[in-house]
């Protein structure tokens, strides 16, 4: 029997293994750390698989606010804001202000959205 494997995929973790009970135990341990189950344990070929939110991933806390032709990206830390700003730049926006720490401890970046890349 091979051990349970956990793979990070974006903001989620996919747990898989050949033993259903071991996969369920690994998912239960993540839930105890604050994760949310996104699927039930299900068979996939000869393995069992379950998907959970990563309890340590804070990217869901990042917000994008449209202000005229600019986008303000605000989040809990520099890495999250940098990632979202890079995503917007990749879609055609122009970075106007690199991520910087705000007075309230959050991080903010500003992008120019002249190309209207972020659809509401």
PDB file of N, CA and C in Angstrom:
ATOM      1  N   UNK A   1       0.849  -1.176   0.000  1.00  0.00           N
ATOM      2  CA  UNK A   1       0.000   0.000   0.000  1.00  0.00           C
ATOM      3  C   UNK A   1       0.900   1.247   0.000  1.00  0.00           C
ATOM      4  N   UNK A   2       0.689   2.139  -0.943  1.00  0.00           N
ATOM      5  CA  UNK A   2       1.505   3.361  -0.996  1.00  0.00           C
ATOM      6  C   UNK A   2       0.912   4.421  -0.061  1.00  0.00           C
ATOM      7  N   UNK A   3       1.761   5.339   0.417  1.00  0.00           N
ATOM      8  CA  UNK A   3       1.275   6.360   1.349  1.00  0.00           C
ATOM      9  C   UNK A   3       0.352   7.367   0.662  1.00  0.00           C
ATOM     10  N   UNK A   4      -0.302   8.151   1.498  1.00  0.00           N
ATOM     11  CA  UNK A   4      -1.171   9.213   1.007  1.00  0.00           C
ATOM     12  C   UNK A   4      -0.302  10.326   0.450  1.00  0.00           C
ATOM     13  N   UNK A   5      -0.722  10.901  -0.666  1.00  0.00           N
ATOM     14  CA  UNK A   5      -0.004  12.021  -1.278  1.00  0.00           C
ATOM     15  C   UNK A   5      -0.886  13.258  -1.219  1.00  0.00           C
ATOM     16  N   UNK A   6      -0.279  14.406  -0.916  1.00  0.00           N
ATOM     17  CA  UNK A   6      -0.975  15.688  -0.929  1.00  0.00           C
ATOM     18  C   UNK A   6      -0.296  16.573  -1.948  1.00  0.00           C
ATOM     19  N   UNK A   7      -1.083  17.127  -2.872  1.00  0.00           N
ATOM     20  CA  UNK A   7      -0.546  17.983  -3.916  1.00  0.00           C
ATOM     21  C   UNK A   7      -1.276  19.315  -3.883  1.00  0.00           C
ATOM     22  N   UNK A   8      -0.512  20.412  -3.820  1.00  0.00           N
ATOM     23  CA  UNK A   8      -1.108  21.750  -3.839  1.00  0.00           C
ATOM     24  C   UNK A   8      -1.431  22.111  -5.273  1.00  0.00           C
ATOM     25  N   UNK A   9      -2.681  22.519  -5.501  1.00  0.00           N
ATOM     26  CA  UNK A   9      -3.126  22.930  -6.830  1.00  0.00           C
ATOM     27  C   UNK A   9      -3.847  24.261  -6.668  1.00  0.00           C
ATOM     28  N   UNK A  10      -3.153  25.349  -6.933  1.00  0.00           N
ATOM     29  CA  UNK A  10      -3.724  26.669  -6.725  1.00  0.00           C
ATOM     30  C   UNK A  10      -3.947  26.904  -5.246  1.00  0.00           C
ATOM     31  N   UNK A  11      -5.157  27.257  -4.874  1.00  0.00           N
ATOM     32  CA  UNK A  11      -5.484  27.507  -3.470  1.00  0.00           C
ATOM     33  C   UNK A  11      -6.019  26.251  -2.787  1.00  0.00           C
ATOM     34  N   UNK A  12      -5.925  25.099  -3.456  1.00  0.00           N
ATOM     35  CA  UNK A  12      -6.487  23.863  -2.927  1.00  0.00           C
ATOM     36  C   UNK A  12      -5.424  22.795  -2.759  1.00  0.00           C
ATOM     37  N   UNK A  13      -5.780  21.767  -2.010  1.00  0.00           N
ATOM     38  CA  UNK A  13      -4.910  20.608  -1.826  1.00  0.00           C
ATOM     39  C   UNK A  13      -5.699  19.368  -2.239  1.00  0.00           C
ATOM     40  N   UNK A  14      -5.088  18.545  -3.080  1.00  0.00           N
ATOM     41  CA  UNK A  14      -5.696  17.283  -3.499  1.00  0.00           C
ATOM     42  C   UNK A  14      -4.956  16.174  -2.752  1.00  0.00           C
ATOM     43  N   UNK A  15      -5.714  15.362  -2.027  1.00  0.00           N
ATOM     44  CA  UNK A  15      -5.161  14.248  -1.257  1.00  0.00           C
ATOM     45  C   UNK A  15      -5.572  12.973  -1.963  1.00  0.00           C
ATOM     46  N   UNK A  16      -4.604  12.077  -2.189  1.00  0.00           N
ATOM     47  CA  UNK A  16      -4.919  10.816  -2.863  1.00  0.00           C
ATOM     48  C   UNK A  16      -4.119   9.684  -2.240  1.00  0.00           C
ATOM     49  N   UNK A  17      -4.647   8.484  -2.398  1.00  0.00           N
ATOM     50  CA  UNK A  17      -3.966   7.295  -1.908  1.00  0.00           C
ATOM     51  C   UNK A  17      -4.809   6.065  -2.173  1.00  0.00           C
ATOM     52  N   UNK A  18      -4.193   4.911  -2.002  1.00  0.00           N
ATOM     53  CA  UNK A  18      -4.910   3.664  -2.299  1.00  0.00           C
ATOM     54  C   UNK A  18      -5.788   3.199  -1.146  1.00  0.00           C
ATOM     55  N   UNK A  19      -5.570   3.748   0.059  1.00  0.00           N
ATOM     56  CA  UNK A  19      -6.362   3.359   1.227  1.00  0.00           C
ATOM     57  C   UNK A  19      -7.356   4.471   1.573  1.00  0.00           C
ATOM     58  N   UNK A  20      -8.639   4.179   1.441  1.00  0.00           N
ATOM     59  CA  UNK A  20      -9.682   5.176   1.690  1.00  0.00           C
ATOM     60  C   UNK A  20      -9.586   5.759   3.100  1.00  0.00           C
ATOM     61  N   UNK A  21      -9.363   4.919   4.094  1.00  0.00           N
ATOM     62  CA  UNK A  21      -9.296   5.387   5.483  1.00  0.00           C
ATOM     63  C   UNK A  21      -8.124   6.351   5.686  1.00  0.00           C
ATOM     64  N   UNK A  22      -6.997   6.089   5.044  1.00  0.00           N
ATOM     65  CA  UNK A  22      -5.829   6.966   5.172  1.00  0.00           C
ATOM     66  C   UNK A  22      -6.093   8.326   4.515  1.00  0.00           C
ATOM     67  N   UNK A  23      -6.780   8.321   3.374  1.00  0.00           N
ATOM     68  CA  UNK A  23      -7.139   9.568   2.690  1.00  0.00           C
ATOM     69  C   UNK A  23      -8.118  10.362   3.557  1.00  0.00           C
ATOM     70  N   UNK A  24      -9.100   9.683   4.127  1.00  0.00           N
ATOM     71  CA  UNK A  24     -10.061  10.349   5.012  1.00  0.00           C
ATOM     72  C   UNK A  24      -9.364  10.944   6.239  1.00  0.00           C
ATOM     73  N   UNK A  25      -8.397  10.220   6.798  1.00  0.00           N
ATOM     74  CA  UNK A  25      -7.661  10.708   7.971  1.00  0.00           C
ATOM     75  C   UNK A  25      -6.842  11.947   7.620  1.00  0.00           C
ATOM     76  N   UNK A  26      -6.210  11.942   6.457  1.00  0.00           N
ATOM     77  CA  UNK A  26      -5.421  13.106   6.030  1.00  0.00           C
ATOM     78  C   UNK A  26      -6.331  14.313   5.811  1.00  0.00           C
ATOM     79  N   UNK A  27      -7.496  14.081   5.228  1.00  0.00           N
ATOM     80  CA  UNK A  27      -8.453  15.179   5.020  1.00  0.00           C
ATOM     81  C   UNK A  27      -8.955  15.704   6.362  1.00  0.00           C
ATOM     82  N   UNK A  28      -9.227  14.796   7.303  1.00  0.00           N
ATOM     83  CA  UNK A  28      -9.697  15.198   8.631  1.00  0.00           C
ATOM     84  C   UNK A  28      -8.634  16.039   9.346  1.00  0.00           C
ATOM     85  N   UNK A  29      -7.379  15.694   9.182  1.00  0.00           N
ATOM     86  CA  UNK A  29      -6.287  16.463   9.797  1.00  0.00           C
ATOM     87  C   UNK A  29      -6.227  17.876   9.220  1.00  0.00           C
ATOM     88  N   UNK A  30      -6.446  18.011   7.907  1.00  0.00           N
ATOM     89  CA  UNK A  30      -6.460  19.343   7.284  1.00  0.00           C
ATOM     90  C   UNK A  30      -7.658  20.156   7.759  1.00  0.00           C
ATOM     91  N   UNK A  31      -8.807  19.523   7.893  1.00  0.00           N
ATOM     92  CA  UNK A  31     -10.011  20.206   8.382  1.00  0.00           C
ATOM     93  C   UNK A  31      -9.763  20.707   9.812  1.00  0.00           C
ATOM     94  N   UNK A  32      -9.053  19.923  10.605  1.00  0.00           N
ATOM     95  CA  UNK A  32      -8.737  20.340  11.974  1.00  0.00           C
ATOM     96  C   UNK A  32      -7.844  21.586  11.991  1.00  0.00           C
ATOM     97  N   UNK A  33      -7.097  21.799  10.902  1.00  0.00           N
ATOM     98  CA  UNK A  33      -6.236  22.989  10.784  1.00  0.00           C
ATOM     99  C   UNK A  33      -6.969  24.167  10.162  1.00  0.00           C
ATOM    100  N   UNK A  34      -8.261  23.993   9.848  1.00  0.00           N
ATOM    101  CA  UNK A  34      -9.053  25.079   9.301  1.00  0.00           C
ATOM    102  C   UNK A  34      -9.432  24.954   7.846  1.00  0.00           C
ATOM    103  N   UNK A  35      -9.052  23.866   7.203  1.00  0.00           N
ATOM    104  CA  UNK A  35      -9.401  23.675   5.790  1.00  0.00           C
ATOM    105  C   UNK A  35     -10.893  23.384   5.648  1.00  0.00           C
ATOM    106  N   UNK A  36     -11.392  23.592   4.455  1.00  0.00           N
ATOM    107  CA  UNK A  36     -12.783  23.282   4.125  1.00  0.00           C
ATOM    108  C   UNK A  36     -12.765  22.194   3.059  1.00  0.00           C
ATOM    109  N   UNK A  37     -13.562  21.145   3.269  1.00  0.00           N
ATOM    110  CA  UNK A  37     -13.660  20.087   2.263  1.00  0.00           C
ATOM    111  C   UNK A  37     -14.394  20.622   1.041  1.00  0.00           C
ATOM    112  N   UNK A  38     -13.840  20.383  -0.131  1.00  0.00           N
ATOM    113  CA  UNK A  38     -14.462  20.820  -1.375  1.00  0.00           C
ATOM    114  C   UNK A  38     -15.114  19.657  -2.119  1.00  0.00           C
ATOM    115  N   UNK A  39     -14.776  18.444  -1.729  1.00  0.00           N
ATOM    116  CA  UNK A  39     -15.381  17.255  -2.340  1.00  0.00           C
ATOM    117  C   UNK A  39     -15.427  16.157  -1.288  1.00  0.00           C
ATOM    118  N   UNK A  40     -16.156  15.120  -1.586  1.00  0.00           N
ATOM    119  CA  UNK A  40     -16.130  13.962  -0.694  1.00  0.00           C
ATOM    120  C   UNK A  40     -15.051  13.011  -1.206  1.00  0.00           C
ATOM    121  N   UNK A  41     -14.658  12.070  -0.369  1.00  0.00           N
ATOM    122  CA  UNK A  41     -13.669  11.073  -0.779  1.00  0.00           C
ATOM    123  C   UNK A  41     -14.323  10.175  -1.817  1.00  0.00           C
ATOM    124  N   UNK A  42     -13.700  10.121  -2.990  1.00  0.00           N
ATOM    125  CA  UNK A  42     -14.269   9.350  -4.094  1.00  0.00           C
ATOM    126  C   UNK A  42     -13.189   8.512  -4.762  1.00  0.00           C
ATOM    127  N   UNK A  43     -13.588   7.377  -5.356  1.00  0.00           N
ATOM    128  CA  UNK A  43     -12.607   6.552  -6.065  1.00  0.00           C
ATOM    129  C   UNK A  43     -12.203   7.192  -7.392  1.00  0.00           C
ATOM    130  N   UNK A  44     -10.930   7.046  -7.720  1.00  0.00           N
ATOM    131  CA  UNK A  44     -10.400   7.504  -9.007  1.00  0.00           C
ATOM    132  C   UNK A  44      -9.383   6.458  -9.441  1.00  0.00           C
ATOM    133  N   UNK A  45      -9.795   5.597 -10.348  1.00  0.00           N
ATOM    134  CA  UNK A  45      -8.944   4.470 -10.722  1.00  0.00           C
ATOM    135  C   UNK A  45      -8.761   3.562  -9.523  1.00  0.00           C
ATOM    136  N   UNK A  46      -7.508   3.264  -9.175  1.00  0.00           N
ATOM    137  CA  UNK A  46      -7.244   2.399  -8.020  1.00  0.00           C
ATOM    138  C   UNK A  46      -6.978   3.215  -6.752  1.00  0.00           C
ATOM    139  N   UNK A  47      -7.173   4.514  -6.807  1.00  0.00           N
ATOM    140  CA  UNK A  47      -6.939   5.395  -5.661  1.00  0.00           C
ATOM    141  C   UNK A  47      -8.225   6.034  -5.165  1.00  0.00           C
ATOM    142  N   UNK A  48      -8.109   6.650  -3.994  1.00  0.00           N
ATOM    143  CA  UNK A  48      -9.175   7.469  -3.417  1.00  0.00           C
ATOM    144  C   UNK A  48      -8.683   8.901  -3.412  1.00  0.00           C
ATOM    145  N   UNK A  49      -9.580   9.854  -3.697  1.00  0.00           N
ATOM    146  CA  UNK A  49      -9.183  11.257  -3.847  1.00  0.00           C
ATOM    147  C   UNK A  49     -10.188  12.161  -3.133  1.00  0.00           C
ATOM    148  N   UNK A  50      -9.665  13.233  -2.519  1.00  0.00           N
ATOM    149  CA  UNK A  50     -10.503  14.261  -1.908  1.00  0.00           C
ATOM    150  C   UNK A  50      -9.800  15.602  -2.115  1.00  0.00           C
ATOM    151  N   UNK A  51     -10.571  16.670  -2.255  1.00  0.00           N
ATOM    152  CA  UNK A  51     -10.014  18.015  -2.442  1.00  0.00           C
ATOM    153  C   UNK A  51     -10.444  18.901  -1.287  1.00  0.00           C
ATOM    154  N   UNK A  52      -9.491  19.679  -0.770  1.00  0.00           N
ATOM    155  CA  UNK A  52      -9.733  20.604   0.343  1.00  0.00           C
ATOM    156  C   UNK A  52      -9.148  21.959   0.001  1.00  0.00           C
ATOM    157  N   UNK A  53      -9.693  23.003   0.636  1.00  0.00           N
ATOM    158  CA  UNK A  53      -9.038  24.307   0.558  1.00  0.00           C
ATOM    159  C   UNK A  53      -7.760  24.229   1.378  1.00  0.00           C
ATOM    160  N   UNK A  54      -6.717  24.903   0.935  1.00  0.00           N
ATOM    161  CA  UNK A  54      -5.480  24.985   1.699  1.00  0.00           C
ATOM    162  C   UNK A  54      -5.715  25.969   2.847  1.00  0.00           C
ATOM    163  N   UNK A  55      -5.649  25.526   4.101  1.00  0.00           N
ATOM    164  CA  UNK A  55      -5.934  26.432   5.211  1.00  0.00           C
ATOM    165  C   UNK A  55      -4.916  27.552   5.369  1.00  0.00           C
ATOM    166  N   UNK A  56      -3.744  27.397   4.751  1.00  0.00           N
ATOM    167  CA  UNK A  56      -2.704  28.422   4.865  1.00  0.00           C
ATOM    168  C   UNK A  56      -2.683  29.392   3.686  1.00  0.00           C
ATOM    169  N   UNK A  57      -3.470  29.105   2.659  1.00  0.00           N
ATOM    170  CA  UNK A  57      -3.501  29.970   1.482  1.00  0.00           C
ATOM    171  C   UNK A  57      -4.441  31.142   1.741  1.00  0.00           C
ATOM    172  N   UNK A  58      -3.912  32.350   1.644  1.00  0.00           N
ATOM    173  CA  UNK A  58      -4.713  33.537   1.946  1.00  0.00           C
ATOM    174  C   UNK A  58      -5.100  34.297   0.681  1.00  0.00           C
ATOM    175  N   UNK A  59      -4.912  33.678  -0.489  1.00  0.00           N
ATOM    176  CA  UNK A  59      -5.187  34.392  -1.736  1.00  0.00           C
ATOM    177  C   UNK A  59      -6.662  34.765  -1.887  1.00  0.00           C
ATOM    178  N   UNK A  60      -7.558  34.037  -1.238  1.00  0.00           N
ATOM    179  CA  UNK A  60      -8.986  34.370  -1.323  1.00  0.00           C
ATOM    180  C   UNK A  60      -9.309  35.695  -0.628  1.00  0.00           C
ATOM    181  N   UNK A  61      -8.392  36.133   0.233  1.00  0.00           N
ATOM    182  CA  UNK A  61      -8.590  37.394   0.943  1.00  0.00           C
ATOM    183  C   UNK A  61      -8.205  38.603   0.088  1.00  0.00           C
ATOM    184  N   UNK A  62      -7.614  38.368  -1.078  1.00  0.00           N
ATOM    185  CA  UNK A  62      -7.201  39.462  -1.967  1.00  0.00           C
ATOM    186  C   UNK A  62      -8.420  39.996  -2.723  1.00  0.00           C
ATOM    187  N   UNK A  63      -8.579  41.294  -2.711  1.00  0.00           N
ATOM    188  CA  UNK A  63      -9.707  41.944  -3.379  1.00  0.00           C
ATOM    189  C   UNK A  63      -9.198  42.885  -4.469  1.00  0.00           C
ATOM    190  N   UNK A  64      -9.961  42.981  -5.549  1.00  0.00           N
ATOM    191  CA  UNK A  64      -9.661  43.908  -6.633  1.00  0.00           C
ATOM    192  C   UNK A  64     -10.840  44.864  -6.743  1.00  0.00           C
ATOM    193  N   UNK A  65     -10.531  46.158  -6.638  1.00  0.00           N
ATOM    194  CA  UNK A  65     -11.570  47.185  -6.708  1.00  0.00           C
ATOM    195  C   UNK A  65     -11.288  48.061  -7.917  1.00  0.00           C
ATOM    196  N   UNK A  66     -12.292  48.247  -8.767  1.00  0.00           N
ATOM    197  CA  UNK A  66     -12.148  49.091  -9.958  1.00  0.00           C
ATOM    198  C   UNK A  66     -12.453  50.540  -9.588  1.00  0.00           C
ATOM    199  N   UNK A  67     -11.503  51.407  -9.860  1.00  0.00           N
ATOM    200  CA  UNK A  67     -11.649  52.845  -9.610  1.00  0.00           C
ATOM    201  C   UNK A  67     -11.392  53.567 -10.924  1.00  0.00           C
ATOM    202  N   UNK A  68     -12.455  53.874 -11.667  1.00  0.00           N
ATOM    203  CA  UNK A  68     -12.279  54.480 -12.987  1.00  0.00           C
ATOM    204  C   UNK A  68     -11.589  53.503 -13.909  1.00  0.00           C
ATOM    205  N   UNK A  69     -10.430  53.908 -14.437  1.00  0.00           N
ATOM    206  CA  UNK A  69      -9.653  53.027 -15.317  1.00  0.00           C
ATOM    207  C   UNK A  69      -8.516  52.346 -14.565  1.00  0.00           C
ATOM    208  N   UNK A  70      -8.562  52.381 -13.248  1.00  0.00           N
ATOM    209  CA  UNK A  70      -7.522  51.728 -12.469  1.00  0.00           C
ATOM    210  C   UNK A  70      -8.110  50.634 -11.593  1.00  0.00           C
ATOM    211  N   UNK A  71      -7.258  49.693 -11.252  1.00  0.00           N
ATOM    212  CA  UNK A  71      -7.635  48.586 -10.392  1.00  0.00           C
ATOM    213  C   UNK A  71      -6.768  48.639  -9.139  1.00  0.00           C
ATOM    214  N   UNK A  72      -7.406  48.659  -7.976  1.00  0.00           N
ATOM    215  CA  UNK A  72      -6.668  48.617  -6.726  1.00  0.00           C
ATOM    216  C   UNK A  72      -6.728  47.177  -6.220  1.00  0.00           C
ATOM    217  N   UNK A  73      -5.561  46.602  -6.023  1.00  0.00           N
ATOM    218  CA  UNK A  73      -5.441  45.234  -5.523  1.00  0.00           C
ATOM    219  C   UNK A  73      -5.049  45.327  -4.057  1.00  0.00           C
ATOM    220  N   UNK A  74      -5.872  44.769  -3.169  1.00  0.00           N
ATOM    221  CA  UNK A  74      -5.607  44.850  -1.734  1.00  0.00           C
ATOM    222  C   UNK A  74      -5.673  43.454  -1.138  1.00  0.00           C
ATOM    223  N   UNK A  75      -4.682  43.119  -0.302  1.00  0.00           N
ATOM    224  CA  UNK A  75      -4.650  41.797   0.302  1.00  0.00           C
ATOM    225  C   UNK A  75      -3.880  41.763   1.595  1.00  0.00           C
ATOM    226  N   UNK A  76      -3.804  40.573   2.204  1.00  0.00           N
ATOM    227  CA  UNK A  76      -3.221  40.436   3.530  1.00  0.00           C
ATOM    228  C   UNK A  76      -1.692  40.458   3.586  1.00  0.00           C
ATOM    229  N   UNK A  77      -1.050  40.171   2.455  1.00  0.00           N
ATOM    230  CA  UNK A  77       0.416  40.177   2.453  1.00  0.00           C
ATOM    231  C   UNK A  77       0.950  40.487   1.057  1.00  0.00           C
ATOM    232  N   UNK A  78       2.234  40.779   0.998  1.00  0.00           N
ATOM    233  CA  UNK A  78       2.859  41.196  -0.259  1.00  0.00           C
ATOM    234  C   UNK A  78       2.771  40.107  -1.333  1.00  0.00           C
ATOM    235  N   UNK A  79       2.985  38.855  -0.937  1.00  0.00           N
ATOM    236  CA  UNK A  79       2.980  37.764  -1.919  1.00  0.00           C
ATOM    237  C   UNK A  79       1.628  37.614  -2.608  1.00  0.00           C
ATOM    238  N   UNK A  80       0.552  37.701  -1.853  1.00  0.00           N
ATOM    239  CA  UNK A  80      -0.791  37.562  -2.419  1.00  0.00           C
ATOM    240  C   UNK A  80      -1.094  38.714  -3.375  1.00  0.00           C
ATOM    241  N   UNK A  81      -0.769  39.936  -2.975  1.00  0.00           N
ATOM    242  CA  UNK A  81      -1.033  41.113  -3.813  1.00  0.00           C
ATOM    243  C   UNK A  81      -0.159  41.079  -5.063  1.00  0.00           C
ATOM    244  N   UNK A  82       1.093  40.679  -4.904  1.00  0.00           N
ATOM    245  CA  UNK A  82       1.988  40.576  -6.063  1.00  0.00           C
ATOM    246  C   UNK A  82       1.455  39.565  -7.070  1.00  0.00           C
ATOM    247  N   UNK A  83       0.998  38.424  -6.585  1.00  0.00           N
ATOM    248  CA  UNK A  83       0.454  37.397  -7.478  1.00  0.00           C
ATOM    249  C   UNK A  83      -0.760  37.873  -8.242  1.00  0.00           C
ATOM    250  N   UNK A  84      -1.684  38.541  -7.556  1.00  0.00           N
ATOM    251  CA  UNK A  84      -2.894  39.034  -8.227  1.00  0.00           C
ATOM    252  C   UNK A  84      -2.536  40.136  -9.221  1.00  0.00           C
ATOM    253  N   UNK A  85      -1.619  41.041  -8.845  1.00  0.00           N
ATOM    254  CA  UNK A  85      -1.203  42.114  -9.762  1.00  0.00           C
ATOM    255  C   UNK A  85      -0.538  41.516 -11.004  1.00  0.00           C
ATOM    256  N   UNK A  86       0.293  40.491 -10.827  1.00  0.00           N
ATOM    257  CA  UNK A  86       0.938  39.838 -11.969  1.00  0.00           C
ATOM    258  C   UNK A  86      -0.096  39.184 -12.873  1.00  0.00           C
ATOM    259  N   UNK A  87      -1.125  38.604 -12.269  1.00  0.00           N
ATOM    260  CA  UNK A  87      -2.212  38.008 -13.064  1.00  0.00           C
ATOM    261  C   UNK A  87      -2.885  39.072 -13.926  1.00  0.00           C
ATOM    262  N   UNK A  88      -3.151  40.242 -13.344  1.00  0.00           N
ATOM    263  CA  UNK A  88      -3.788  41.329 -14.101  1.00  0.00           C
ATOM    264  C   UNK A  88      -2.870  41.848 -15.210  1.00  0.00           C
ATOM    265  N   UNK A  89      -1.581  41.978 -14.915  1.00  0.00           N
ATOM    266  CA  UNK A  89      -0.614  42.431 -15.926  1.00  0.00           C
ATOM    267  C   UNK A  89      -0.557  41.422 -17.069  1.00  0.00           C
ATOM    268  N   UNK A  90      -0.580  40.154 -16.733  1.00  0.00           N
ATOM    269  CA  UNK A  90      -0.566  39.107 -17.758  1.00  0.00           C
ATOM    270  C   UNK A  90      -1.791  39.204 -18.669  1.00  0.00           C
ATOM    271  N   UNK A  91      -2.896  39.709 -18.134  1.00  0.00           N
ATOM    272  CA  UNK A  91      -4.133  39.851 -18.908  1.00  0.00           C
ATOM    273  C   UNK A  91      -4.202  41.181 -19.647  1.00  0.00           C
ATOM    274  N   UNK A  92      -3.168  42.028 -19.526  1.00  0.00           N
ATOM    275  CA  UNK A  92      -3.127  43.264 -20.301  1.00  0.00           C
ATOM    276  C   UNK A  92      -3.083  44.552 -19.511  1.00  0.00           C
ATOM    277  N   UNK A  93      -3.226  44.490 -18.198  1.00  0.00           N
ATOM    278  CA  UNK A  93      -3.150  45.712 -17.378  1.00  0.00           C
ATOM    279  C   UNK A  93      -1.693  46.153 -17.257  1.00  0.00           C
ATOM    280  N   UNK A  94      -1.494  47.387 -16.825  1.00  0.00           N
ATOM    281  CA  UNK A  94      -0.147  47.921 -16.618  1.00  0.00           C
ATOM    282  C   UNK A  94       0.010  48.247 -15.133  1.00  0.00           C
ATOM    283  N   UNK A  95       1.089  47.753 -14.543  1.00  0.00           N
ATOM    284  CA  UNK A  95       1.346  48.017 -13.139  1.00  0.00           C
ATOM    285  C   UNK A  95       1.735  49.483 -12.965  1.00  0.00           C
ATOM    286  N   UNK A  96       0.972  50.207 -12.155  1.00  0.00           N
ATOM    287  CA  UNK A  96       1.209  51.627 -11.902  1.00  0.00           C
ATOM    288  C   UNK A  96       1.977  51.809 -10.602  1.00  0.00           C
ATOM    289  N   UNK A  97       1.602  51.035  -9.591  1.00  0.00           N
ATOM    290  CA  UNK A  97       2.220  51.137  -8.272  1.00  0.00           C
ATOM    291  C   UNK A  97       2.467  49.735  -7.745  1.00  0.00           C
ATOM    292  N   UNK A  98       3.732  49.413  -7.499  1.00  0.00           N
ATOM    293  CA  UNK A  98       4.085  48.090  -6.978  1.00  0.00           C
ATOM    294  C   UNK A  98       3.482  47.897  -5.589  1.00  0.00           C
ATOM    295  N   UNK A  99       3.329  46.661  -5.145  1.00  0.00           N
ATOM    296  CA  UNK A  99       2.758  46.421  -3.821  1.00  0.00           C
ATOM    297  C   UNK A  99       3.524  47.158  -2.718  1.00  0.00           C
ATOM    298  N   UNK A 100       2.758  47.813  -1.863  1.00  0.00           N
ATOM    299  CA  UNK A 100       3.347  48.504  -0.717  1.00  0.00           C
ATOM    300  C   UNK A 100       2.424  48.322   0.476  1.00  0.00           C
ATOM    301  N   UNK A 101       2.994  48.425   1.655  1.00  0.00           N
ATOM    302  CA  UNK A 101       2.213  48.194   2.865  1.00  0.00           C
ATOM    303  C   UNK A 101       1.401  49.428   3.213  1.00  0.00           C
ATOM    304  N   UNK A 102       0.126  49.238   3.491  1.00  0.00           N
ATOM    305  CA  UNK A 102      -0.780  50.330   3.877  1.00  0.00           C
ATOM    306  C   UNK A 102      -0.716  50.523   5.395  1.00  0.00           C
ATOM    307  N   UNK A 103      -1.285  51.612   5.854  1.00  0.00           N
ATOM    308  CA  UNK A 103      -1.268  51.951   7.277  1.00  0.00           C
ATOM    309  C   UNK A 103      -1.948  50.892   8.143  1.00  0.00           C
ATOM    310  N   UNK A 104      -2.933  50.183   7.582  1.00  0.00           N
ATOM    311  CA  UNK A 104      -3.657  49.177   8.365  1.00  0.00           C
ATOM    312  C   UNK A 104      -2.987  47.801   8.351  1.00  0.00           C
ATOM    313  N   UNK A 105      -1.793  47.702   7.731  1.00  0.00           N
ATOM    314  CA  UNK A 105      -1.062  46.448   7.685  1.00  0.00           C
ATOM    315  C   UNK A 105      -1.344  45.602   6.463  1.00  0.00           C
ATOM    316  N   UNK A 106      -2.337  45.981   5.672  1.00  0.00           N
ATOM    317  CA  UNK A 106      -2.622  45.256   4.437  1.00  0.00           C
ATOM    318  C   UNK A 106      -1.628  45.728   3.370  1.00  0.00           C
ATOM    319  N   UNK A 107      -1.674  45.094   2.217  1.00  0.00           N
ATOM    320  CA  UNK A 107      -0.798  45.466   1.101  1.00  0.00           C
ATOM    321  C   UNK A 107      -1.664  45.891  -0.075  1.00  0.00           C
ATOM    322  N   UNK A 108      -1.165  46.890  -0.838  1.00  0.00           N
ATOM    323  CA  UNK A 108      -1.935  47.455  -1.946  1.00  0.00           C
ATOM    324  C   UNK A 108      -1.026  47.644  -3.155  1.00  0.00           C
ATOM    325  N   UNK A 109      -1.572  47.349  -4.343  1.00  0.00           N
ATOM    326  CA  UNK A 109      -0.920  47.644  -5.623  1.00  0.00           C
ATOM    327  C   UNK A 109      -1.983  48.281  -6.512  1.00  0.00           C
ATOM    328  N   UNK A 110      -1.532  49.062  -7.492  1.00  0.00           N
ATOM    329  CA  UNK A 110      -2.463  49.706  -8.414  1.00  0.00           C
ATOM    330  C   UNK A 110      -2.052  49.370  -9.844  1.00  0.00           C
ATOM    331  N   UNK A 111      -3.052  49.014 -10.645  1.00  0.00           N
ATOM    332  CA  UNK A 111      -2.833  48.718 -12.062  1.00  0.00           C
ATOM    333  C   UNK A 111      -3.717  49.629 -12.900  1.00  0.00           C
ATOM    334  N   UNK A 112      -3.239  49.955 -14.116  1.00  0.00           N
ATOM    335  CA  UNK A 112      -4.027  50.709 -15.084  1.00  0.00           C
ATOM    336  C   UNK A 112      -4.818  49.702 -15.894  1.00  0.00           C
ATOM    337  N   UNK A 113      -6.104  49.915 -16.002  1.00  0.00           N
ATOM    338  CA  UNK A 113      -6.978  48.965 -16.686  1.00  0.00           C
ATOM    339  C   UNK A 113      -7.518  49.533 -17.994  1.00  0.00           C
ATOM    340  N   UNK A 114      -6.693  50.272 -18.704  1.00  0.00           N
ATOM    341  CA  UNK A 114      -7.151  50.893 -19.961  1.00  0.00           C
ATOM    342  C   UNK A 114      -7.654  49.835 -20.947  1.00  0.00           C
ATOM    343  N   UNK A 115      -7.138  48.629 -20.847  1.00  0.00           N
ATOM    344  CA  UNK A 115      -7.556  47.554 -21.753  1.00  0.00           C
ATOM    345  C   UNK A 115      -8.814  46.845 -21.263  1.00  0.00           C
ATOM    346  N   UNK A 116      -9.353  47.269 -20.094  1.00  0.00           N
ATOM    347  CA  UNK A 116     -10.558  46.662 -19.532  1.00  0.00           C
ATOM    348  C   UNK A 116     -10.385  45.144 -19.397  1.00  0.00           C
ATOM    349  N   UNK A 117      -9.258  44.716 -18.788  1.00  0.00           N
ATOM    350  CA  UNK A 117      -8.947  43.296 -18.707  1.00  0.00           C
ATOM    351  C   UNK A 117      -9.724  42.572 -17.631  1.00  0.00           C
ATOM    352  N   UNK A 118     -10.172  43.287 -16.638  1.00  0.00           N
ATOM    353  CA  UNK A 118     -10.854  42.630 -15.526  1.00  0.00           C
ATOM    354  C   UNK A 118     -12.347  42.837 -15.683  1.00  0.00           C
ATOM    355  N   UNK A 119     -13.050  41.805 -16.093  1.00  0.00           N
ATOM    356  CA  UNK A 119     -14.476  41.903 -16.359  1.00  0.00           C
ATOM    357  C   UNK A 119     -15.274  41.683 -15.091  1.00  0.00           C
ATOM    358  N   UNK A 120     -16.223  42.553 -14.840  1.00  0.00           N
ATOM    359  CA  UNK A 120     -17.073  42.423 -13.653  1.00  0.00           C
ATOM    360  C   UNK A 120     -18.274  41.710 -14.057  1.00  0.00           C
TER     361      UNK A 120
END
